[in-house]
Amino acid sequence: MKRSEFVEKGTKIKIRYKPLNGLINNTFTVILKNWVFQGFFDLSINEKIYKILFDIIGVTIAYYFGIQDAMNLIIVFLFVHTVNWVTNDHFVDNLYHLQVCKTTPEKMEAAIKYLINFTHKYDSIVYAGIYGRIARGDEVHSGTDIDIRLLKNKGLVNSIFVCFIGHYLRFMGLVKLIPIDLNIWNSPTDLLRMRKDENPLIIKDEDQISKMYAHLPNNMLVKYKRYDKRHIK
């Protein structure tokens, strides 16, 4: 992804007057918006609550240990919010979009294998599908990320536990420099948010959710066929 495409993707408000548009919509402002919102509006209600509590608990702990001055508490909040962003959002994703790091077919395959092993460790996850370029049949390029969507198992305990699973997976994406664009949703109907022209690479399916998708393989699904649960008996 070119820097201009990164800005275009992250821009919601466009102004016809080009100088002013360039001042408002640029790499810095897109990253700033990413830091502020951290994909909040695309998250499930479970992860929204988790993200809010992460910031609140961090500030509360600081207050409990004697940091009670208003300015210092603001600094603590900014620090905790940044930790939340770096470890539990699409921070690494941005590095790939900006070409700081680069994807290769070898890295993509290694990442898919890692995600298969990871998702199969947890019964709280019933479905894992990789969308994005692979699901559209587009070849991997240097700025390609991994759009993975997980569905959780039913129950309150699972709703809580998957928030920790998601945070841990995003953190491991940071450690291993895997460009994971992750959302954990509650219901198969949530998958209808994805693009209609995407037929995902399904790496885990405990509830026959793959039946939602017509079996229309593209060249990338053929390439990664050995990882697709629709072909693994």
Protein backbone atom coordinates (compact mmCIF):
# COMPACT_ATOMS: atom_id res chain seq x y z
CA MET A 1 0.00 0.00 0.00
CA LYS A 2 1.34 3.41 -0.97
CA ARG A 3 1.39 6.18 1.62
CA SER A 4 -1.31 8.03 -0.35
CA GLU A 5 -3.51 4.92 -0.27
CA PHE A 6 -2.96 4.62 3.49
CA VAL A 7 -4.18 8.20 3.94
CA GLU A 8 -7.09 7.66 1.56
CA LYS A 9 -8.21 4.53 3.42
CA GLY A 10 -8.05 6.28 6.79
CA THR A 11 -9.79 9.46 5.66
CA LYS A 12 -13.48 9.90 6.45
CA ILE A 13 -13.86 13.66 5.85
CA LYS A 14 -12.70 15.11 2.54
CA ILE A 15 -12.45 18.80 1.73
CA ARG A 16 -12.49 20.10 -1.83
CA TYR A 17 -9.92 22.83 -1.12
CA LYS A 18 -6.73 20.81 -1.63
CA PRO A 19 -4.34 22.74 0.67
CA LEU A 20 -6.78 22.48 3.58
CA ASN A 21 -7.55 18.85 2.73
CA GLY A 22 -3.82 18.07 2.80
CA LEU A 23 -3.50 19.77 6.17
CA ILE A 24 -6.33 17.73 7.69
CA ASN A 25 -5.82 14.44 5.86
CA ASN A 26 -2.24 13.20 5.97
CA THR A 27 -0.21 10.34 7.42
CA PHE A 28 0.11 11.98 10.84
CA THR A 29 -3.61 12.69 11.23
CA VAL A 30 -4.57 9.19 10.09
CA ILE A 31 -2.21 7.65 12.65
CA LEU A 32 -3.48 10.09 15.30
CA LYS A 33 -7.06 9.04 14.56
CA ASN A 34 -5.97 5.41 14.73
CA TRP A 35 -4.41 6.06 18.16
CA VAL A 36 -7.49 7.86 19.46
CA PHE A 37 -10.19 5.41 18.29
CA GLN A 38 -8.21 2.15 17.99
CA GLY A 39 -10.79 0.51 15.73
CA PHE A 40 -13.36 0.95 18.51
CA PHE A 41 -16.44 1.14 16.28
CA ASP A 42 -15.68 -2.16 14.52
CA LEU A 43 -15.24 -4.10 17.78
CA SER A 44 -17.81 -6.34 19.44
CA ILE A 45 -19.45 -5.01 22.58
CA ASN A 46 -17.19 -7.34 24.60
CA GLU A 47 -13.97 -5.86 23.24
CA LYS A 48 -15.31 -2.31 23.47
CA ILE A 49 -15.87 -2.79 27.20
CA TYR A 50 -12.46 -4.46 27.55
CA LYS A 51 -10.67 -1.55 25.85
CA ILE A 52 -12.42 1.04 28.00
CA LEU A 53 -11.71 -0.92 31.19
CA PHE A 54 -8.04 -1.32 30.22
CA ASP A 55 -7.61 2.47 30.23
CA ILE A 56 -9.70 3.00 33.36
CA ILE A 57 -7.94 0.27 35.36
CA GLY A 58 -4.51 1.56 34.32
CA VAL A 59 -5.32 5.07 35.57
CA THR A 60 -7.00 3.70 38.72
CA ILE A 61 -3.88 1.68 39.61
CA ALA A 62 -1.72 4.78 39.17
CA TYR A 63 -4.08 6.78 41.41
CA TYR A 64 -4.03 4.03 44.03
CA PHE A 65 -0.21 4.14 44.11
CA GLY A 66 -0.18 7.88 44.78
CA ILE A 67 -0.26 9.55 41.37
CA GLN A 68 -3.16 11.88 42.12
CA ASP A 69 -2.15 15.15 40.50
CA ALA A 70 -4.44 15.93 37.54
CA MET A 71 -1.62 16.58 35.07
CA ASN A 72 0.22 13.42 36.04
CA LEU A 73 -2.99 11.41 35.71
CA ILE A 74 -3.44 12.79 32.19
CA ILE A 75 0.11 11.66 31.37
CA VAL A 76 -0.67 8.23 32.82
CA PHE A 77 -3.83 8.03 30.71
CA LEU A 78 -1.91 8.94 27.55
CA PHE A 79 0.68 6.27 28.36
CA VAL A 80 -1.91 3.57 29.12
CA HIS A 81 -3.93 4.45 26.03
CA THR A 82 -0.76 4.18 23.94
CA VAL A 83 0.03 0.76 25.44
CA ASN A 84 -3.54 -0.26 24.61
CA TRP A 85 -2.98 0.88 21.01
CA VAL A 86 0.43 -0.73 20.49
CA THR A 87 -0.44 -4.08 22.10
CA ASN A 88 -4.15 -4.43 21.31
CA ASP A 89 -4.87 -2.76 17.98
CA HIS A 90 -3.56 -2.64 14.42
CA PHE A 91 -0.26 -0.95 15.24
CA VAL A 92 1.87 -3.48 13.32
CA ASP A 93 -0.68 -3.32 10.50
CA ASN A 94 0.20 0.34 10.04
CA LEU A 95 3.91 -0.48 9.79
CA TYR A 96 3.17 -2.71 6.80
CA HIS A 97 0.79 -0.23 5.18
CA LEU A 98 3.52 2.42 5.44
CA GLN A 99 6.15 0.00 4.09
CA VAL A 100 8.21 0.14 7.29
CA CYS A 101 7.88 -3.64 7.27
CA LYS A 102 7.15 -5.70 4.18
CA THR A 103 5.11 -8.84 3.56
CA THR A 104 6.44 -11.67 1.43
CA PRO A 105 4.65 -14.87 0.32
CA GLU A 106 6.90 -16.80 2.71
CA LYS A 107 5.96 -14.54 5.65
CA MET A 108 2.29 -14.83 4.74
CA GLU A 109 2.38 -18.63 4.74
CA ALA A 110 4.27 -18.71 8.05
CA ALA A 111 1.66 -16.35 9.53
CA ILE A 112 -1.22 -18.56 8.34
CA LYS A 113 0.38 -21.59 9.97
CA TYR A 114 0.84 -19.64 13.20
CA LEU A 115 -2.80 -18.51 13.19
CA ILE A 116 -4.03 -22.05 12.58
CA ASN A 117 -2.05 -23.36 15.55
CA PHE A 118 -3.13 -20.42 17.71
CA THR A 119 -6.87 -20.60 17.03
CA HIS A 120 -7.01 -24.37 17.50
CA LYS A 121 -5.69 -24.02 21.05
CA TYR A 122 -8.86 -22.33 22.28
CA ASP A 123 -12.35 -23.83 22.48
CA SER A 124 -13.68 -20.29 22.99
CA ILE A 125 -13.05 -19.71 19.27
CA VAL A 126 -15.42 -21.60 16.96
CA TYR A 127 -14.54 -19.96 13.65
CA ALA A 128 -11.53 -18.30 12.08
CA GLY A 129 -11.51 -16.95 8.54
CA ILE A 130 -8.94 -14.92 6.64
CA TYR A 131 -10.45 -12.25 4.41
CA GLY A 132 -8.89 -9.36 2.49
CA ARG A 133 -6.65 -9.89 -0.53
CA ILE A 134 -6.50 -13.68 -0.17
CA ALA A 135 -10.29 -13.89 -0.07
CA ARG A 136 -10.48 -11.78 -3.26
CA GLY A 137 -7.85 -13.80 -5.10
CA ASP A 138 -5.28 -10.99 -5.14
CA GLU A 139 -1.59 -11.81 -4.88
CA VAL A 140 0.28 -10.88 -1.72
CA HIS A 141 2.34 -7.68 -1.98
CA SER A 142 4.67 -5.86 0.41
CA GLY A 143 1.86 -3.97 2.21
CA THR A 144 -0.58 -6.87 2.56
CA ASP A 145 -2.01 -7.48 6.02
CA ILE A 146 -4.02 -10.43 7.35
CA ASP A 147 -7.70 -9.62 7.81
CA ILE A 148 -8.74 -12.36 10.22
CA ARG A 149 -12.20 -12.61 11.76
CA LEU A 150 -12.94 -14.87 14.71
CA LEU A 151 -16.29 -15.92 16.13
CA LYS A 152 -16.53 -16.78 19.79
CA ASN A 153 -18.29 -19.66 21.50
CA LYS A 154 -21.48 -18.92 23.42
CA GLY A 155 -21.54 -17.97 27.09
CA LEU A 156 -20.41 -15.17 29.38
CA VAL A 157 -17.11 -16.84 30.28
CA ASN A 158 -16.20 -17.13 26.61
CA SER A 159 -17.22 -13.51 26.00
CA ILE A 160 -14.73 -12.41 28.65
CA PHE A 161 -12.00 -14.89 27.77
CA VAL A 162 -11.88 -14.04 24.05
CA CYS A 163 -11.02 -10.43 24.93
CA PHE A 164 -7.82 -11.68 26.57
CA ILE A 165 -7.23 -14.05 23.64
CA GLY A 166 -7.60 -11.15 21.19
CA HIS A 167 -5.24 -8.93 23.19
CA TYR A 168 -2.68 -11.72 23.41
CA LEU A 169 -2.89 -12.46 19.66
CA ARG A 170 -2.45 -8.80 18.74
CA PHE A 171 0.48 -8.59 21.15
CA MET A 172 2.07 -11.65 19.53
CA GLY A 173 1.53 -9.95 16.19
CA LEU A 174 3.65 -7.11 17.58
CA VAL A 175 6.35 -9.49 18.87
CA LYS A 176 6.47 -11.54 15.67
CA LEU A 177 5.76 -8.56 13.36
CA ILE A 178 2.69 -10.26 11.87
CA PRO A 179 0.34 -7.67 10.32
CA ILE A 180 -2.86 -8.92 11.97
CA ASP A 181 -6.09 -6.99 11.36
CA LEU A 182 -8.23 -8.85 13.90
CA ASN A 183 -11.83 -8.62 14.99
CA ILE A 184 -13.62 -11.08 17.28
CA TRP A 185 -17.34 -11.10 16.73
CA ASN A 186 -20.28 -12.81 18.39
CA SER A 187 -22.44 -14.18 15.60
CA PRO A 188 -22.18 -15.47 12.00
CA THR A 189 -24.39 -12.54 10.98
CA ASP A 190 -21.51 -10.23 11.93
CA LEU A 191 -19.56 -11.70 9.02
CA LEU A 192 -22.03 -10.02 6.67
CA ARG A 193 -20.07 -6.82 7.34
CA MET A 194 -17.30 -8.16 5.13
CA ARG A 195 -17.11 -7.42 1.41
CA LYS A 196 -19.46 -9.45 -0.76
CA ASP A 197 -16.68 -10.36 -3.20
CA GLU A 198 -14.61 -12.07 -0.50
CA ASN A 199 -14.56 -15.85 -0.11
CA PRO A 200 -12.44 -16.42 3.01
CA LEU A 201 -9.70 -18.92 3.71
CA ILE A 202 -11.37 -20.78 6.58
CA ILE A 203 -8.78 -22.10 9.03
CA LYS A 204 -11.17 -23.14 11.83
CA ASP A 205 -14.84 -24.03 11.67
CA GLU A 206 -16.49 -25.85 14.56
CA ASP A 207 -20.07 -24.74 13.76
CA GLN A 208 -20.28 -25.35 9.98
CA ILE A 209 -20.19 -21.61 9.36
CA SER A 210 -18.42 -22.24 6.05
CA LYS A 211 -21.84 -23.15 4.62
CA MET A 212 -22.48 -19.39 4.43
CA TYR A 213 -20.03 -19.19 1.56
CA ALA A 214 -20.41 -20.63 -1.91
CA HIS A 215 -17.47 -22.81 -2.87
CA LEU A 216 -15.96 -20.54 -5.51
CA PRO A 217 -12.20 -20.97 -5.20
CA ASN A 218 -9.90 -18.25 -6.48
CA ASN A 219 -6.22 -18.63 -7.29
CA MET A 220 -5.16 -17.72 -3.74
CA LEU A 221 -7.59 -20.17 -2.12
CA VAL A 222 -6.21 -22.82 -4.43
CA LYS A 223 -2.70 -21.87 -3.39
CA TYR A 224 -3.56 -22.23 0.31
CA LYS A 225 -6.02 -25.10 -0.18
CA ARG A 226 -4.16 -27.36 2.24
CA TYR A 227 -5.03 -24.95 5.08
CA ASP A 228 -8.74 -24.54 4.23
CA LYS A 229 -11.07 -26.47 6.54
CA ARG A 230 -13.43 -27.06 3.60
CA HIS A 231 -10.78 -29.36 2.13
CA ILE A 232 -9.43 -30.94 5.30
CA LYS A 233 -11.34 -34.00 6.42
